Amino acid sequence: MLNHICNAVDAGRILWKKHALERMMERGISRNEVKQAITQGSIIENYPDDSPFPSVLIANFEPEPLHVVVAYDAESLQCHVITAYRPDLAHFEADFMTRRLS
């Protein structure tokens, strides 16, 4: 799935959800950082039952840790950016890939 998402981003088939843009502004995260995280990152969680499209959590660590939740519409070949955030130790282990158990 990541390959399809990266192809969509590279081709400019990326839709920015209002929620994502609002949170990115609040958190000082640029569109370029998100695109880089998607194309250079790794999937750390899958959400196949998300609606209306399956989504994934992508983690990238350069230049600093960033997580991006992305849905992929296989019919339109479009990537939907749902949200982006910098992971913290309150919610993730030191590797920023493993969720802490509540």
C-alpha atoms as a PDB file:
ATOM      1  CA  MET A   1       0.000   0.000   0.000  1.00  0.00           C
ATOM      2  CA  LEU A   2       2.852   2.416   0.792  1.00  0.00           C
ATOM      3  CA  ASN A   3       4.087   2.178  -2.777  1.00  0.00           C
ATOM      4  CA  HIS A   4       0.664   3.279  -4.076  1.00  0.00           C
ATOM      5  CA  ILE A   5       0.525   6.122  -1.555  1.00  0.00           C
ATOM      6  CA  CYS A   6       4.001   7.326  -2.528  1.00  0.00           C
ATOM      7  CA  ASN A   7       3.081   7.196  -6.215  1.00  0.00           C
ATOM      8  CA  ALA A   8      -0.010   9.296  -5.510  1.00  0.00           C
ATOM      9  CA  VAL A   9       2.025  11.876  -3.588  1.00  0.00           C
ATOM     10  CA  ASP A  10       4.708  12.012  -6.293  1.00  0.00           C
ATOM     11  CA  ALA A  11       1.995  12.518  -8.950  1.00  0.00           C
ATOM     12  CA  GLY A  12       0.297  15.268  -6.931  1.00  0.00           C
ATOM     13  CA  ARG A  13      -2.788  13.162  -6.210  1.00  0.00           C
ATOM     14  CA  ILE A  14      -2.896  14.208  -2.569  1.00  0.00           C
ATOM     15  CA  LEU A  15      -5.922  15.606  -0.773  1.00  0.00           C
ATOM     16  CA  TRP A  16      -5.425  17.574   2.417  1.00  0.00           C
ATOM     17  CA  LYS A  17      -8.268  17.140   4.885  1.00  0.00           C
ATOM     18  CA  LYS A  18      -9.297  20.340   6.678  1.00  0.00           C
ATOM     19  CA  HIS A  19      -8.535  18.704  10.030  1.00  0.00           C
ATOM     20  CA  ALA A  20      -5.016  17.833   8.868  1.00  0.00           C
ATOM     21  CA  LEU A  21      -4.268  21.368   7.683  1.00  0.00           C
ATOM     22  CA  GLU A  22      -5.593  22.882  10.907  1.00  0.00           C
ATOM     23  CA  ARG A  23      -3.531  20.539  13.081  1.00  0.00           C
ATOM     24  CA  MET A  24      -0.440  21.020  10.929  1.00  0.00           C
ATOM     25  CA  MET A  25      -0.690  24.793  11.341  1.00  0.00           C
ATOM     26  CA  GLU A  26      -1.142  24.440  15.110  1.00  0.00           C
ATOM     27  CA  ARG A  27       1.859  22.110  15.297  1.00  0.00           C
ATOM     28  CA  GLY A  28       4.161  23.983  12.921  1.00  0.00           C
ATOM     29  CA  ILE A  29       4.291  21.144  10.392  1.00  0.00           C
ATOM     30  CA  SER A  30       4.621  22.014   6.698  1.00  0.00           C
ATOM     31  CA  ARG A  31       3.134  20.239   3.709  1.00  0.00           C
ATOM     32  CA  ASN A  32       6.661  19.476   2.509  1.00  0.00           C
ATOM     33  CA  GLU A  33       7.497  17.790   5.834  1.00  0.00           C
ATOM     34  CA  VAL A  34       4.372  15.646   5.494  1.00  0.00           C
ATOM     35  CA  LYS A  35       5.164  14.702   1.894  1.00  0.00           C
ATOM     36  CA  GLN A  36       8.715  13.796   2.911  1.00  0.00           C
ATOM     37  CA  ALA A  37       7.448  11.706   5.821  1.00  0.00           C
ATOM     38  CA  ILE A  38       5.090   9.828   3.510  1.00  0.00           C
ATOM     39  CA  THR A  39       7.631   9.139   0.768  1.00  0.00           C
ATOM     40  CA  GLN A  40      10.562   8.348   3.068  1.00  0.00           C
ATOM     41  CA  GLY A  41       8.776   6.815   6.046  1.00  0.00           C
ATOM     42  CA  SER A  42       7.522   3.388   7.039  1.00  0.00           C
ATOM     43  CA  ILE A  43       4.076   2.099   7.885  1.00  0.00           C
ATOM     44  CA  ILE A  44       3.924   1.334  11.605  1.00  0.00           C
ATOM     45  CA  GLU A  45       0.163   0.720  11.966  1.00  0.00           C
ATOM     46  CA  ASN A  46      -2.552  -0.404   9.544  1.00  0.00           C
ATOM     47  CA  TYR A  47      -6.223   0.511   9.801  1.00  0.00           C
ATOM     48  CA  PRO A  48      -7.815  -1.646   7.069  1.00  0.00           C
ATOM     49  CA  ASP A  49     -11.350  -1.140   8.386  1.00  0.00           C
ATOM     50  CA  ASP A  50     -11.255   2.676   8.331  1.00  0.00           C
ATOM     51  CA  SER A  51     -14.024   4.263   6.324  1.00  0.00           C
ATOM     52  CA  PRO A  52     -14.405   5.392   3.654  1.00  0.00           C
ATOM     53  CA  PHE A  53     -10.862   4.191   2.791  1.00  0.00           C
ATOM     54  CA  PRO A  54      -8.276   2.023   4.547  1.00  0.00           C
ATOM     55  CA  SER A  55      -5.586   4.090   6.245  1.00  0.00           C
ATOM     56  CA  VAL A  56      -2.127   3.721   7.728  1.00  0.00           C
ATOM     57  CA  LEU A  57       0.105   5.449  10.244  1.00  0.00           C
ATOM     58  CA  ILE A  58       3.439   6.357   8.690  1.00  0.00           C
ATOM     59  CA  ALA A  59       6.513   7.254  10.763  1.00  0.00           C
ATOM     60  CA  ASN A  60       9.553   9.147   9.555  1.00  0.00           C
ATOM     61  CA  PHE A  61      12.515  10.237  11.669  1.00  0.00           C
ATOM     62  CA  GLU A  62      14.435  12.725   9.517  1.00  0.00           C
ATOM     63  CA  PRO A  63      14.988  15.510  10.258  1.00  0.00           C
ATOM     64  CA  GLU A  64      12.865  14.801  13.380  1.00  0.00           C
ATOM     65  CA  PRO A  65      10.153  12.263  14.271  1.00  0.00           C
ATOM     66  CA  LEU A  66       6.861  12.823  12.469  1.00  0.00           C
ATOM     67  CA  HIS A  67       3.754  10.655  12.186  1.00  0.00           C
ATOM     68  CA  VAL A  68       1.222  10.988   9.379  1.00  0.00           C
ATOM     69  CA  VAL A  69      -2.129   9.219   9.083  1.00  0.00           C
ATOM     70  CA  VAL A  70      -2.981   8.675   5.424  1.00  0.00           C
ATOM     71  CA  ALA A  71      -5.941   7.025   3.712  1.00  0.00           C
ATOM     72  CA  TYR A  72      -5.707   5.667   0.185  1.00  0.00           C
ATOM     73  CA  ASP A  73      -8.536   5.550  -2.335  1.00  0.00           C
ATOM     74  CA  ALA A  74      -7.576   2.758  -4.735  1.00  0.00           C
ATOM     75  CA  GLU A  75     -10.356   3.696  -7.149  1.00  0.00           C
ATOM     76  CA  SER A  76      -9.249   7.305  -7.704  1.00  0.00           C
ATOM     77  CA  LEU A  77      -5.582   6.556  -6.851  1.00  0.00           C
ATOM     78  CA  GLN A  78      -5.631   9.461  -4.388  1.00  0.00           C
ATOM     79  CA  CYS A  79      -3.923   9.861  -1.038  1.00  0.00           C
ATOM     80  CA  HIS A  80      -5.869  11.606   1.744  1.00  0.00           C
ATOM     81  CA  VAL A  81      -3.818  13.173   4.535  1.00  0.00           C
ATOM     82  CA  ILE A  82      -5.907  12.763   7.689  1.00  0.00           C
ATOM     83  CA  THR A  83      -3.538  14.226  10.289  1.00  0.00           C
ATOM     84  CA  ALA A  84       0.115  14.771  11.130  1.00  0.00           C
ATOM     85  CA  TYR A  85       1.813  15.122  14.493  1.00  0.00           C
ATOM     86  CA  ARG A  86       5.119  14.802  16.281  1.00  0.00           C
ATOM     87  CA  PRO A  87       5.014  11.679  18.462  1.00  0.00           C
ATOM     88  CA  ASP A  88       5.769  12.090  22.147  1.00  0.00           C
ATOM     89  CA  LEU A  89       6.956   9.823  24.939  1.00  0.00           C
ATOM     90  CA  ALA A  90       3.598  10.041  26.692  1.00  0.00           C
ATOM     91  CA  HIS A  91       2.017   8.033  23.874  1.00  0.00           C
ATOM     92  CA  PHE A  92       4.946   6.164  22.289  1.00  0.00           C
ATOM     93  CA  GLU A  93       7.992   4.258  23.440  1.00  0.00           C
ATOM     94  CA  ALA A  94      11.439   5.796  22.862  1.00  0.00           C
ATOM     95  CA  ASP A  95      11.515   4.314  19.349  1.00  0.00           C
ATOM     96  CA  PHE A  96       8.453   6.489  18.487  1.00  0.00           C
ATOM     97  CA  MET A  97       7.006   3.459  16.699  1.00  0.00           C
ATOM     98  CA  THR A  98       5.533   1.434  19.553  1.00  0.00           C
ATOM     99  CA  ARG A  99       2.428   2.746  21.304  1.00  0.00           C
ATOM    100  CA  ARG A 100       2.524   2.802  25.072  1.00  0.00           C
ATOM    101  CA  LEU A 101      -0.137   0.669  26.681  1.00  0.00           C
ATOM    102  CA  SER A 102      -2.656   2.661  28.689  1.00  0.00           C
END
